[in-house]
């Protein structure tokens, strides 16, 4: 091949390869910390539940409330968490019914919650039906301050 044909082909190949060599797109997902103190409602077949991510002394915890029918709340628990990444927190505990392993993570632009590997239906924080809380432990009995592992 002549130099006159090789040079344009080389430039053409370089021009086509440039998008592949460019830096990967920036991750624009919100980080898990942006959900601090925002209740996330879990829809269930009873009165519902909520979890709220809180931070105390540089550690993350999750406060879980189980709502009652005819009473505001029947149970309140506080879980220690494991920060897996800027986008994921794991926590678990044992209730009288089962061992529960939760994953709270950011998927796309929303938060998602998994319980024992199954995705839980939730109301996104900040939506019209999500409550606003000023005191995360409000309404929780004192014994709820114990930490589940």
Foldseek 3Di string as FASTA:
>chain_A
DDPVVVVVVVVVVVVVCVVVVDDDDDDPAQFPVVQAQFWKWFDDPFPTKIWHWHDDPNFIKIWIFDQHDVGGTDAIAIEGWDDPDRFKIWTWAADPVGTWIKIWGTDRHFIWMDIPRHTTDIDTGPDPPTDHDDDPCVPHDPVNPDYGD
